């Protein structure tokens, strides 16, 4: 299996990490002419997602293809399926966070989202190598992970995967942050324009830690039908997930991705 970039795409499929090279124009021999006067440089054209780029311009970064990852213990999967959605504010069978972190997020408001707090949102990572998940699978202490979670086998977790396009198609309201959502200095993108801007900035700096701490927060719930992939550690975990899915109304792809579960 090929490695994936920091955005979760297989090697070569991410326009940011693997930009397409621009073909070099063939050399043309011209007759000697009088040198032209160099005029003022032209202003660079701005290319937006969904618009036609100028021939020879850099590839458009379509942030709608950004994958997002919801980490949960396999013990929580049955209740998620029973709800038909990943729910914000749900009480999971196995919680990742210690009680003080849960309480803090219950008290942290979300800019642009009146009458709700972080606890009312479903959190997603922007990378399968998010720092919190790295700590859990390496059994290294992290302020957002409980002791019980740090002692658990990483193979007992699953990553529920969607992408931004699927979130938009679902009609979900979501917010993007440029760091841990409950940190005082974190910036929120609560409007489509602001969330797009933050996603572009995070994707343009793949070697920075920001994208490994950033979150995409879906308000209230995300219907499970918009989960396109469930990532698991090995074949045994895949068999267990497929058994849980038996009789459910959903049939996402269940795939083994060992690098997503390996210790760092």
Protein backbone atom coordinates (compact mmCIF):
# COMPACT_ATOMS: atom_id res chain seq x y z
CA UNK A 1 0.00 0.00 0.00
CA UNK A 2 1.36 3.44 -0.87
CA UNK A 3 2.06 6.11 1.72
CA UNK A 4 -0.31 9.04 2.15
CA UNK A 5 0.40 12.72 2.40
CA UNK A 6 -0.42 14.81 5.46
CA UNK A 7 -3.88 15.55 4.03
CA UNK A 8 -4.77 11.85 3.89
CA UNK A 9 -4.50 11.38 0.15
CA UNK A 10 -2.50 8.60 -1.43
CA UNK A 11 0.82 9.65 -2.87
CA UNK A 12 0.43 11.66 -6.04
CA UNK A 13 -3.27 12.49 -5.59
CA UNK A 14 -2.96 15.70 -3.57
CA UNK A 15 -2.66 18.87 -5.64
CA UNK A 16 -0.94 20.66 -2.75
CA UNK A 17 1.72 18.09 -1.86
CA UNK A 18 2.17 16.77 -5.41
CA UNK A 19 1.61 19.72 -7.78
CA UNK A 20 1.60 18.85 -11.44
CA UNK A 21 4.67 20.01 -13.28
CA UNK A 22 4.21 22.52 -16.06
CA UNK A 23 5.53 21.22 -19.41
CA UNK A 24 8.52 23.14 -20.59
CA UNK A 25 7.83 24.99 -23.82
CA UNK A 26 10.08 23.91 -26.71
CA UNK A 27 12.84 26.29 -27.62
CA UNK A 28 12.08 28.47 -30.62
CA UNK A 29 14.82 30.05 -32.73
CA UNK A 30 13.86 33.59 -33.63
CA UNK A 31 15.44 36.03 -36.04
CA UNK A 32 17.49 38.76 -34.44
CA UNK A 33 15.27 41.73 -33.64
CA UNK A 34 15.52 44.95 -31.77
CA UNK A 35 15.16 44.33 -28.00
CA UNK A 36 11.78 45.30 -26.64
CA UNK A 37 11.31 47.75 -23.83
CA UNK A 38 10.28 45.93 -20.69
CA UNK A 39 6.99 47.26 -19.41
CA UNK A 40 5.39 47.05 -16.00
CA UNK A 41 4.78 43.48 -14.81
CA UNK A 42 1.27 42.15 -15.17
CA UNK A 43 -0.78 41.53 -12.10
CA UNK A 44 -1.13 37.82 -11.34
CA UNK A 45 -4.57 36.36 -11.95
CA UNK A 46 -6.47 35.04 -8.98
CA UNK A 47 -7.80 31.50 -9.45
CA UNK A 48 -10.62 30.31 -7.25
CA UNK A 49 -11.99 26.83 -6.65
CA UNK A 50 -14.39 25.85 -9.39
CA UNK A 51 -13.16 28.45 -11.89
CA UNK A 52 -11.16 27.89 -15.05
CA UNK A 53 -7.47 28.55 -14.57
CA UNK A 54 -5.16 30.30 -16.99
CA UNK A 55 -3.16 27.93 -19.20
CA UNK A 56 0.13 27.19 -17.49
CA UNK A 57 -1.04 28.37 -14.05
CA UNK A 58 -0.48 26.40 -10.85
CA UNK A 59 -3.06 23.64 -10.16
CA UNK A 60 -6.15 24.79 -8.31
CA UNK A 61 -6.29 23.56 -4.72
CA UNK A 62 -9.81 22.18 -4.36
CA UNK A 63 -10.35 22.20 -0.60
CA UNK A 64 -13.60 20.28 -1.12
CA UNK A 65 -11.42 17.18 -1.54
CA UNK A 66 -9.93 17.63 1.95
CA UNK A 67 -10.50 14.49 3.97
CA UNK A 68 -11.67 14.73 7.57
CA UNK A 69 -11.37 12.04 10.25
CA UNK A 70 -13.52 11.31 13.29
CA UNK A 71 -11.72 9.09 15.78
CA UNK A 72 -13.81 6.78 17.93
CA UNK A 73 -13.46 3.52 19.82
CA UNK A 74 -14.95 0.52 18.06
CA UNK A 75 -17.25 0.05 21.09
CA UNK A 76 -19.03 3.29 20.10
CA UNK A 77 -19.81 2.21 16.55
CA UNK A 78 -23.02 0.29 17.34
CA UNK A 79 -24.63 3.29 19.07
CA UNK A 80 -23.55 5.60 16.22
CA UNK A 81 -25.27 3.29 13.75
CA UNK A 82 -28.36 3.13 15.95
CA UNK A 83 -28.55 6.94 15.86
CA UNK A 84 -27.95 6.94 12.13
CA UNK A 85 -25.44 9.73 12.64
CA UNK A 86 -22.32 10.82 14.44
CA UNK A 87 -23.84 13.03 17.13
CA UNK A 88 -22.46 16.14 18.76
CA UNK A 89 -22.82 16.04 22.54
CA UNK A 90 -23.37 12.27 22.61
CA UNK A 91 -22.23 10.25 25.63
CA UNK A 92 -20.04 7.54 24.10
CA UNK A 93 -19.54 4.09 25.58
CA UNK A 94 -15.80 4.82 25.56
CA UNK A 95 -14.78 8.47 25.80
CA UNK A 96 -11.43 9.70 24.53
CA UNK A 97 -11.18 12.72 26.78
CA UNK A 98 -10.86 13.16 30.55
CA UNK A 99 -13.79 14.75 32.40
CA UNK A 100 -12.10 18.14 32.70
CA UNK A 101 -11.62 18.42 28.94
CA UNK A 102 -15.25 17.45 28.34
CA UNK A 103 -16.37 20.12 30.82
CA UNK A 104 -14.11 22.73 29.24
CA UNK A 105 -15.54 22.10 25.78
CA UNK A 106 -19.06 22.24 27.19
CA UNK A 107 -18.28 25.76 28.39
CA UNK A 108 -16.40 27.03 25.31
CA UNK A 109 -18.58 29.06 22.89
CA UNK A 110 -18.12 28.86 19.15
CA UNK A 111 -17.77 32.22 17.37
CA UNK A 112 -20.56 32.79 14.88
CA UNK A 113 -22.65 29.96 16.34
CA UNK A 114 -24.98 31.48 18.96
CA UNK A 115 -26.43 29.47 21.83
CA UNK A 116 -24.07 26.54 21.44
CA UNK A 117 -20.65 25.39 22.63
CA UNK A 118 -17.97 23.03 21.35
CA UNK A 119 -19.80 20.14 23.03
CA UNK A 120 -22.61 20.49 20.47
CA UNK A 121 -20.27 19.78 17.55
CA UNK A 122 -18.83 16.59 16.10
CA UNK A 123 -15.02 16.97 16.00
CA UNK A 124 -12.99 15.84 13.01
CA UNK A 125 -9.23 15.86 12.49
CA UNK A 126 -7.80 17.22 9.24
CA UNK A 127 -5.08 14.56 9.16
CA UNK A 128 -4.86 10.86 10.11
CA UNK A 129 -1.66 11.88 11.91
CA UNK A 130 -3.26 14.44 14.21
CA UNK A 131 -1.11 15.03 17.29
CA UNK A 132 -3.77 13.77 19.70
CA UNK A 133 -4.11 10.53 17.74
CA UNK A 134 -0.33 10.18 17.51
CA UNK A 135 -0.14 10.38 21.32
CA UNK A 136 -2.90 7.82 21.80
CA UNK A 137 -1.41 5.25 19.46
CA UNK A 138 2.08 5.80 20.92
CA UNK A 139 0.77 5.68 24.54
CA UNK A 140 2.28 9.11 25.25
CA UNK A 141 0.53 11.42 27.73
CA UNK A 142 -1.62 14.12 26.15
CA UNK A 143 -3.83 16.65 27.99
CA UNK A 144 -6.82 15.77 25.82
CA UNK A 145 -6.56 11.98 26.24
CA UNK A 146 -7.69 10.05 29.31
CA UNK A 147 -5.42 7.51 31.03
CA UNK A 148 -7.65 4.64 29.98
CA UNK A 149 -7.46 5.72 26.35
CA UNK A 150 -3.67 5.95 26.48
CA UNK A 151 -3.55 2.37 27.72
CA UNK A 152 -5.81 1.07 24.94
CA UNK A 153 -4.70 -0.81 21.86
CA UNK A 154 -4.74 1.57 18.84
CA UNK A 155 -6.31 -1.24 16.81
CA UNK A 156 -9.43 -0.89 19.00
CA UNK A 157 -10.16 2.46 17.34
CA UNK A 158 -11.61 3.35 13.96
CA UNK A 159 -11.38 6.47 11.84
CA UNK A 160 -14.66 7.56 10.24
CA UNK A 161 -13.72 9.41 7.07
CA UNK A 162 -15.59 11.94 4.95
CA UNK A 163 -14.47 14.89 2.88
CA UNK A 164 -15.50 18.51 2.73
CA UNK A 165 -17.52 17.96 -0.45
CA UNK A 166 -19.61 15.31 1.33
CA UNK A 167 -20.17 17.66 4.27
CA UNK A 168 -21.40 20.36 1.90
CA UNK A 169 -23.66 17.86 0.11
CA UNK A 170 -25.09 16.77 3.45
CA UNK A 171 -26.15 20.33 4.24
CA UNK A 172 -24.13 20.20 7.45
CA UNK A 173 -23.13 23.41 9.18
CA UNK A 174 -19.45 23.25 10.03
CA UNK A 175 -16.65 25.38 11.42
CA UNK A 176 -12.91 25.07 10.76
CA UNK A 177 -10.25 25.95 13.33
CA UNK A 178 -6.54 26.54 12.83
CA UNK A 179 -5.64 24.75 16.07
CA UNK A 180 -7.12 22.96 19.06
CA UNK A 181 -10.66 24.34 19.28
CA UNK A 182 -10.62 25.08 23.00
CA UNK A 183 -7.24 26.86 22.96
CA UNK A 184 -7.46 30.64 23.63
CA UNK A 185 -5.47 31.66 20.54
CA UNK A 186 -7.31 29.46 18.04
CA UNK A 187 -8.99 31.16 15.10
CA UNK A 188 -12.37 29.97 13.86
CA UNK A 189 -13.74 29.98 10.33
CA UNK A 190 -17.47 30.13 10.99
CA UNK A 191 -18.52 31.29 7.51
CA UNK A 192 -17.92 29.49 4.20
CA UNK A 193 -15.44 32.18 3.15
CA UNK A 194 -13.49 32.04 6.42
CA UNK A 195 -13.48 28.24 6.61
CA UNK A 196 -12.26 28.07 3.00
CA UNK A 197 -9.50 30.57 3.81
CA UNK A 198 -8.30 28.62 6.85
CA UNK A 199 -8.37 25.30 4.98
CA UNK A 200 -6.31 26.77 2.16
CA UNK A 201 -3.76 28.17 4.58
CA UNK A 202 -3.47 24.90 6.48
CA UNK A 203 -3.08 22.88 3.27
CA UNK A 204 -0.43 25.25 1.94
CA UNK A 205 1.78 24.58 4.99
CA UNK A 206 1.83 20.74 5.13
CA UNK A 207 5.01 20.58 7.20
CA UNK A 208 3.66 22.79 9.97
CA UNK A 209 2.00 21.37 13.08
CA UNK A 210 -1.09 23.56 12.63
CA UNK A 211 -2.93 21.07 10.44
CA UNK A 212 -2.14 18.31 12.97
CA UNK A 213 -3.98 20.25 15.70
CA UNK A 214 -6.69 21.85 13.57
CA UNK A 215 -10.30 20.68 13.78
CA UNK A 216 -13.35 20.66 11.57
CA UNK A 217 -16.47 20.83 13.73
CA UNK A 218 -19.86 19.73 12.39
CA UNK A 219 -22.80 21.24 14.22
CA UNK A 220 -25.26 18.85 15.91
CA UNK A 221 -24.83 15.72 13.77
CA UNK A 222 -23.44 14.20 10.61
CA UNK A 223 -25.68 11.53 9.04
CA UNK A 224 -23.74 8.29 8.77
CA UNK A 225 -24.56 8.00 5.07
CA UNK A 226 -21.96 10.71 4.46
CA UNK A 227 -19.20 8.62 6.03
CA UNK A 228 -17.57 7.18 2.92
CA UNK A 229 -14.80 5.17 4.56
CA UNK A 230 -14.00 3.47 7.87
CA UNK A 231 -10.28 3.05 8.40
CA UNK A 232 -9.10 0.16 10.57
CA UNK A 233 -5.74 -1.23 11.70
CA UNK A 234 -5.83 -4.81 10.39
CA UNK A 235 -8.00 -7.58 8.93
CA UNK A 236 -9.32 -8.67 12.32
CA UNK A 237 -10.58 -5.15 13.03
CA UNK A 238 -12.12 -4.97 9.56
CA UNK A 239 -14.02 -8.21 10.19
CA UNK A 240 -15.29 -6.85 13.52
CA UNK A 241 -16.50 -3.61 11.92
CA UNK A 242 -18.20 -5.46 9.08
CA UNK A 243 -20.04 -7.61 11.62
CA UNK A 244 -21.28 -4.47 13.40
CA UNK A 245 -22.44 -3.09 10.04
CA UNK A 246 -24.50 -6.21 9.28
CA UNK A 247 -28.16 -5.26 9.08
CA UNK A 248 -27.40 -1.54 9.13
CA UNK A 249 -28.70 0.82 6.46
CA UNK A 250 -25.19 1.97 5.64
CA UNK A 251 -22.41 0.37 3.67
CA UNK A 252 -19.27 2.50 3.79
CA UNK A 253 -16.02 1.05 2.55
CA UNK A 254 -14.05 -0.61 5.38
CA UNK A 255 -10.34 -0.50 4.61
CA UNK A 256 -7.15 -1.52 6.36
CA UNK A 257 -4.68 1.38 6.66
CA UNK A 258 -1.84 0.26 8.98
CA UNK A 259 0.07 3.60 8.81
CA UNK A 260 -2.92 5.38 10.35
CA UNK A 261 -2.58 3.18 13.45
CA UNK A 262 1.18 2.79 13.76
CA UNK A 263 3.17 4.19 16.68
CA UNK A 264 5.21 7.26 15.86
